């Protein structure tokens, strides 16, 4: 089987798929796309993924898109290689409900502080016309970019995003307590852990780990996943925002505190 992964080092959805491939011991050819250069919007890539986002996995010539779909696909075709899905249908349904929550609540929320803190200067360097053209070219992210604009998401949006992240952390802590850990569904690593991993790693990277200061099970979970060989292979140098933008290590403030202008951009 031949696998080619089109992705970006700092893309949280790309990190999910890299981790799953490494966990299953599956070799792959990696193509790193420069998202600021618009590689994901070039005709050759749009022929693979018409949504113009990463990642995309090509398996024996057939494209598979959307990170959650790819995770399930890998489990379908490689079920015996480090299984990441329960066998009981009820547990599978519960796993998928957890993954739906992750993709509805914390995953989109992490984009707002990520864009405001790391990516906004790139957009501010554009003219209004250039920015509009860029937004119009994004099949899935047009409205998101237009809402952000060239001045960034306002404090109200940042507060809302941080609130959604806190709900994600609280729900994750409840899952860990219910299962007894060390993983979200119990003794075995599953697709749920992989789905939420990039959000928790990104939060820790930009100094939002105070959100689970009173939830030691999440800190233990993060230590455990960082200790896996797949994590070390997935998060090669340049995969963390603070490795590309060192100033981000100072993080951001809690929702109850006013953001200074420098921290909003």
Protein backbone atom coordinates (compact mmCIF):
# COMPACT_ATOMS: atom_id res chain seq x y z
CA UNK A 1 0.00 0.00 0.00
CA UNK A 2 1.31 3.42 -0.98
CA UNK A 3 0.32 6.44 1.11
CA UNK A 4 0.99 10.10 0.35
CA UNK A 5 0.02 12.71 2.94
CA UNK A 6 -0.48 16.32 1.91
CA UNK A 7 -0.36 18.38 5.07
CA UNK A 8 1.21 21.29 6.95
CA UNK A 9 3.44 20.94 10.04
CA UNK A 10 1.43 23.29 12.29
CA UNK A 11 -2.01 22.24 11.06
CA UNK A 12 -3.86 20.63 13.95
CA UNK A 13 -5.88 18.43 11.61
CA UNK A 14 -2.68 17.32 9.87
CA UNK A 15 -1.18 16.42 13.24
CA UNK A 16 -4.06 14.02 13.89
CA UNK A 17 -3.38 12.08 10.73
CA UNK A 18 0.40 12.03 11.12
CA UNK A 19 -0.06 10.64 14.64
CA UNK A 20 -2.44 7.89 13.45
CA UNK A 21 -0.12 6.84 10.63
CA UNK A 22 2.87 6.69 12.97
CA UNK A 23 0.88 4.81 15.62
CA UNK A 24 -0.01 2.17 13.06
CA UNK A 25 3.59 1.98 11.90
CA UNK A 26 2.51 2.93 8.41
CA UNK A 27 5.13 4.54 6.20
CA UNK A 28 4.05 7.42 4.02
CA UNK A 29 5.41 10.07 1.71
CA UNK A 30 4.86 13.51 3.20
CA UNK A 31 4.26 16.62 1.14
CA UNK A 32 4.42 19.75 3.29
CA UNK A 33 2.24 22.51 1.90
CA UNK A 34 3.04 26.17 2.51
CA UNK A 35 -0.39 27.50 3.42
CA UNK A 36 0.67 31.15 3.36
CA UNK A 37 2.01 30.65 -0.16
CA UNK A 38 -1.38 29.22 -1.16
CA UNK A 39 -0.19 25.70 -2.00
CA UNK A 40 -3.55 24.35 -0.81
CA UNK A 41 -5.37 26.47 -3.40
CA UNK A 42 -3.32 25.47 -6.43
CA UNK A 43 -5.14 23.45 -9.12
CA UNK A 44 -3.03 20.33 -8.54
CA UNK A 45 -4.01 20.18 -4.88
CA UNK A 46 -7.63 21.21 -5.45
CA UNK A 47 -7.90 18.22 -7.77
CA UNK A 48 -7.12 16.09 -4.70
CA UNK A 49 -9.06 18.11 -2.13
CA UNK A 50 -11.56 20.57 -3.62
CA UNK A 51 -12.12 22.07 -0.14
CA UNK A 52 -8.64 23.62 -0.30
CA UNK A 53 -7.63 22.63 3.23
CA UNK A 54 -5.21 20.14 4.71
CA UNK A 55 -4.77 17.28 5.22
CA UNK A 56 -5.46 14.98 2.31
CA UNK A 57 -4.33 11.37 2.15
CA UNK A 58 -3.82 9.63 -1.17
CA UNK A 59 -3.88 5.84 -0.86
CA UNK A 60 -2.95 3.87 -3.97
CA UNK A 61 -4.07 6.83 -6.07
CA UNK A 62 -7.40 7.42 -4.29
CA UNK A 63 -7.78 10.64 -2.28
CA UNK A 64 -9.33 10.60 1.19
CA UNK A 65 -10.08 14.02 2.74
CA UNK A 66 -11.10 15.45 6.14
CA UNK A 67 -9.01 14.43 9.12
CA UNK A 68 -11.76 12.54 10.99
CA UNK A 69 -12.72 10.69 7.82
CA UNK A 70 -9.07 9.80 7.28
CA UNK A 71 -8.74 8.51 10.86
CA UNK A 72 -11.72 6.21 10.37
CA UNK A 73 -10.47 5.16 6.93
CA UNK A 74 -7.11 4.13 8.34
CA UNK A 75 -8.90 2.07 10.97
CA UNK A 76 -11.03 0.43 8.28
CA UNK A 77 -8.07 -0.65 6.15
CA UNK A 78 -5.55 -1.28 8.95
CA UNK A 79 -7.72 -2.70 11.74
CA UNK A 80 -5.06 -5.02 13.15
CA UNK A 81 -2.21 -2.51 13.28
CA UNK A 82 -2.42 -0.92 16.74
CA UNK A 83 -6.25 -0.81 16.81
CA UNK A 84 -7.63 2.61 17.69
CA UNK A 85 -11.36 1.82 17.69
CA UNK A 86 -13.40 -0.33 20.08
CA UNK A 87 -15.00 -3.50 18.73
CA UNK A 88 -18.34 -3.17 20.54
CA UNK A 89 -20.87 -1.22 18.41
CA UNK A 90 -22.15 0.71 21.42
CA UNK A 91 -18.62 1.78 22.31
CA UNK A 92 -17.93 2.72 18.69
CA UNK A 93 -21.05 4.91 18.72
CA UNK A 94 -19.93 6.50 22.00
CA UNK A 95 -16.48 7.15 20.54
CA UNK A 96 -17.97 8.83 17.49
CA UNK A 97 -20.23 11.00 19.63
CA UNK A 98 -17.17 12.16 21.57
CA UNK A 99 -15.37 12.94 18.32
CA UNK A 100 -18.37 14.92 17.10
CA UNK A 101 -18.29 17.04 20.26
CA UNK A 102 -14.55 17.61 19.79
CA UNK A 103 -15.04 18.78 16.22
CA UNK A 104 -18.03 20.98 17.12
CA UNK A 105 -16.70 22.70 20.25
CA UNK A 106 -12.94 22.86 21.03
CA UNK A 107 -11.50 22.23 17.55
CA UNK A 108 -12.99 25.31 15.83
CA UNK A 109 -12.45 27.35 18.99
CA UNK A 110 -8.67 26.88 19.00
CA UNK A 111 -8.47 28.54 15.58
CA UNK A 112 -9.41 31.96 16.95
CA UNK A 113 -6.51 32.44 19.40
CA UNK A 114 -4.22 30.70 16.90
CA UNK A 115 -5.10 33.15 14.13
CA UNK A 116 -5.09 36.22 16.36
CA UNK A 117 -1.77 35.40 17.98
CA UNK A 118 0.23 33.86 15.15
CA UNK A 119 -1.25 34.40 11.70
CA UNK A 120 -2.85 37.85 11.80
CA UNK A 121 0.35 39.80 10.97
CA UNK A 122 0.47 37.98 7.63
CA UNK A 123 -3.06 39.11 6.80
CA UNK A 124 -2.46 42.66 8.03
CA UNK A 125 0.34 42.99 5.50
CA UNK A 126 -2.19 42.54 2.67
CA UNK A 127 -4.27 45.20 1.01
CA UNK A 128 -8.03 44.99 1.54
CA UNK A 129 -8.45 43.74 -2.02
CA UNK A 130 -5.80 41.07 -1.56
CA UNK A 131 -7.41 39.90 1.66
CA UNK A 132 -10.87 39.76 0.09
CA UNK A 133 -9.49 37.76 -2.83
CA UNK A 134 -7.81 35.36 -0.42
CA UNK A 135 -11.01 34.89 1.59
CA UNK A 136 -13.06 34.35 -1.57
CA UNK A 137 -10.63 31.63 -2.63
CA UNK A 138 -11.22 29.59 0.56
CA UNK A 139 -14.07 27.10 0.05
CA UNK A 140 -14.34 26.22 3.77
CA UNK A 141 -12.79 29.21 5.53
CA UNK A 142 -14.22 32.23 3.66
CA UNK A 143 -16.66 33.38 6.34
CA UNK A 144 -14.16 32.65 9.11
CA UNK A 145 -11.55 34.90 7.49
CA UNK A 146 -14.02 37.65 6.70
CA UNK A 147 -15.22 37.68 10.30
CA UNK A 148 -11.62 37.99 11.47
CA UNK A 149 -10.76 40.64 8.91
CA UNK A 150 -7.36 42.30 8.77
CA UNK A 151 -7.66 43.63 12.33
CA UNK A 152 -8.30 40.33 14.09
CA UNK A 153 -11.09 38.80 16.09
CA UNK A 154 -12.42 41.17 18.76
CA UNK A 155 -12.29 40.43 22.48
CA UNK A 156 -15.86 39.09 22.47
CA UNK A 157 -14.90 36.40 19.95
CA UNK A 158 -11.74 35.57 21.86
CA UNK A 159 -13.71 35.24 25.09
CA UNK A 160 -16.26 32.99 23.39
CA UNK A 161 -13.49 30.80 21.96
CA UNK A 162 -11.79 30.49 25.33
CA UNK A 163 -15.11 29.57 26.89
CA UNK A 164 -15.60 26.82 24.31
CA UNK A 165 -12.09 25.55 24.98
CA UNK A 166 -12.87 25.42 28.69
CA UNK A 167 -15.99 23.38 27.95
CA UNK A 168 -13.86 21.01 25.93
CA UNK A 169 -11.38 20.64 28.77
CA UNK A 170 -14.18 20.07 31.28
CA UNK A 171 -15.81 17.42 29.09
CA UNK A 172 -12.48 15.68 28.55
CA UNK A 173 -11.82 15.61 32.29
CA UNK A 174 -15.23 14.02 32.80
CA UNK A 175 -14.48 11.35 30.21
CA UNK A 176 -11.17 10.52 31.88
CA UNK A 177 -12.81 10.30 35.28
CA UNK A 178 -15.55 8.05 33.91
CA UNK A 179 -13.15 5.68 32.15
CA UNK A 180 -10.48 5.66 34.86
CA UNK A 181 -7.84 6.50 32.25
CA UNK A 182 -5.10 6.63 31.32
CA UNK A 183 -6.81 7.26 27.97
CA UNK A 184 -10.18 8.82 27.31
CA UNK A 185 -11.92 5.49 26.72
CA UNK A 186 -9.95 3.60 29.33
CA UNK A 187 -6.92 1.36 29.03
CA UNK A 188 -6.43 1.71 25.28
CA UNK A 189 -5.50 4.68 23.12
CA UNK A 190 -8.32 5.46 20.71
CA UNK A 191 -9.31 7.81 17.92
CA UNK A 192 -10.87 10.11 20.54
CA UNK A 193 -7.44 10.75 22.07
CA UNK A 194 -6.03 11.51 18.63
CA UNK A 195 -8.93 13.80 17.77
CA UNK A 196 -8.47 16.05 20.81
CA UNK A 197 -4.67 15.78 21.03
CA UNK A 198 -3.81 18.75 18.76
CA UNK A 199 -6.19 21.05 20.65
CA UNK A 200 -4.66 20.22 24.03
CA UNK A 201 -1.11 20.41 22.65
CA UNK A 202 -1.85 23.80 21.02
CA UNK A 203 -3.37 25.12 24.26
CA UNK A 204 -0.30 24.06 26.21
CA UNK A 205 1.95 25.56 23.53
CA UNK A 206 0.37 29.02 23.81
CA UNK A 207 0.20 28.93 27.60
CA UNK A 208 -3.46 28.03 28.06
CA UNK A 209 -2.69 24.98 30.17
CA UNK A 210 -3.93 26.89 33.23
CA UNK A 211 -7.39 25.78 32.06
CA UNK A 212 -6.72 22.32 33.45
CA UNK A 213 -4.69 23.32 36.51
CA UNK A 214 -7.32 21.74 38.73
CA UNK A 215 -7.68 18.66 36.52
CA UNK A 216 -4.53 16.55 37.01
CA UNK A 217 -5.93 13.73 34.86
CA UNK A 218 -5.52 15.92 31.77
CA UNK A 219 -1.93 16.79 32.66
CA UNK A 220 -1.24 13.07 33.14
CA UNK A 221 -2.92 12.31 29.81
CA UNK A 222 -0.79 14.93 28.07
CA UNK A 223 2.39 13.51 29.61
CA UNK A 224 1.39 10.03 28.46
CA UNK A 225 0.67 11.01 24.87
CA UNK A 226 3.85 13.06 24.65
CA UNK A 227 5.76 9.96 25.74
CA UNK A 228 4.60 7.89 22.76
CA UNK A 229 6.92 7.29 19.79
CA UNK A 230 4.12 8.48 17.48
CA UNK A 231 3.98 11.86 19.22
CA UNK A 232 7.69 12.46 18.81
CA UNK A 233 7.48 11.56 15.12
CA UNK A 234 4.38 13.70 14.60
CA UNK A 235 5.62 16.83 16.32
CA UNK A 236 8.90 17.27 14.51
CA UNK A 237 10.57 20.66 14.86
CA UNK A 238 8.37 23.38 13.44
CA UNK A 239 5.09 21.69 14.34
CA UNK A 240 4.48 23.88 17.39
CA UNK A 241 3.47 27.51 16.93
CA UNK A 242 6.06 28.67 19.46
CA UNK A 243 8.81 27.07 17.39
CA UNK A 244 7.88 29.31 14.46
CA UNK A 245 6.70 32.30 16.51
CA UNK A 246 8.74 32.32 19.77
CA UNK A 247 6.92 35.40 21.11
CA UNK A 248 3.78 33.26 21.52
CA UNK A 249 5.28 31.47 24.52
CA UNK A 250 3.87 34.26 26.69
CA UNK A 251 0.38 32.98 25.87
CA UNK A 252 -2.85 34.90 26.33
CA UNK A 253 -4.99 36.00 29.22
CA UNK A 254 -8.07 34.39 30.65
CA UNK A 255 -11.49 35.54 29.32
CA UNK A 256 -12.19 37.59 32.44
CA UNK A 257 -9.16 39.79 31.87
CA UNK A 258 -9.03 42.54 29.23
CA UNK A 259 -6.73 41.86 26.31
CA UNK A 260 -4.16 44.50 25.55
CA UNK A 261 -3.94 45.43 21.88
CA UNK A 262 -0.59 43.70 21.45
CA UNK A 263 -2.10 40.46 22.72
CA UNK A 264 -5.06 40.71 20.37
CA UNK A 265 -2.85 40.71 17.32
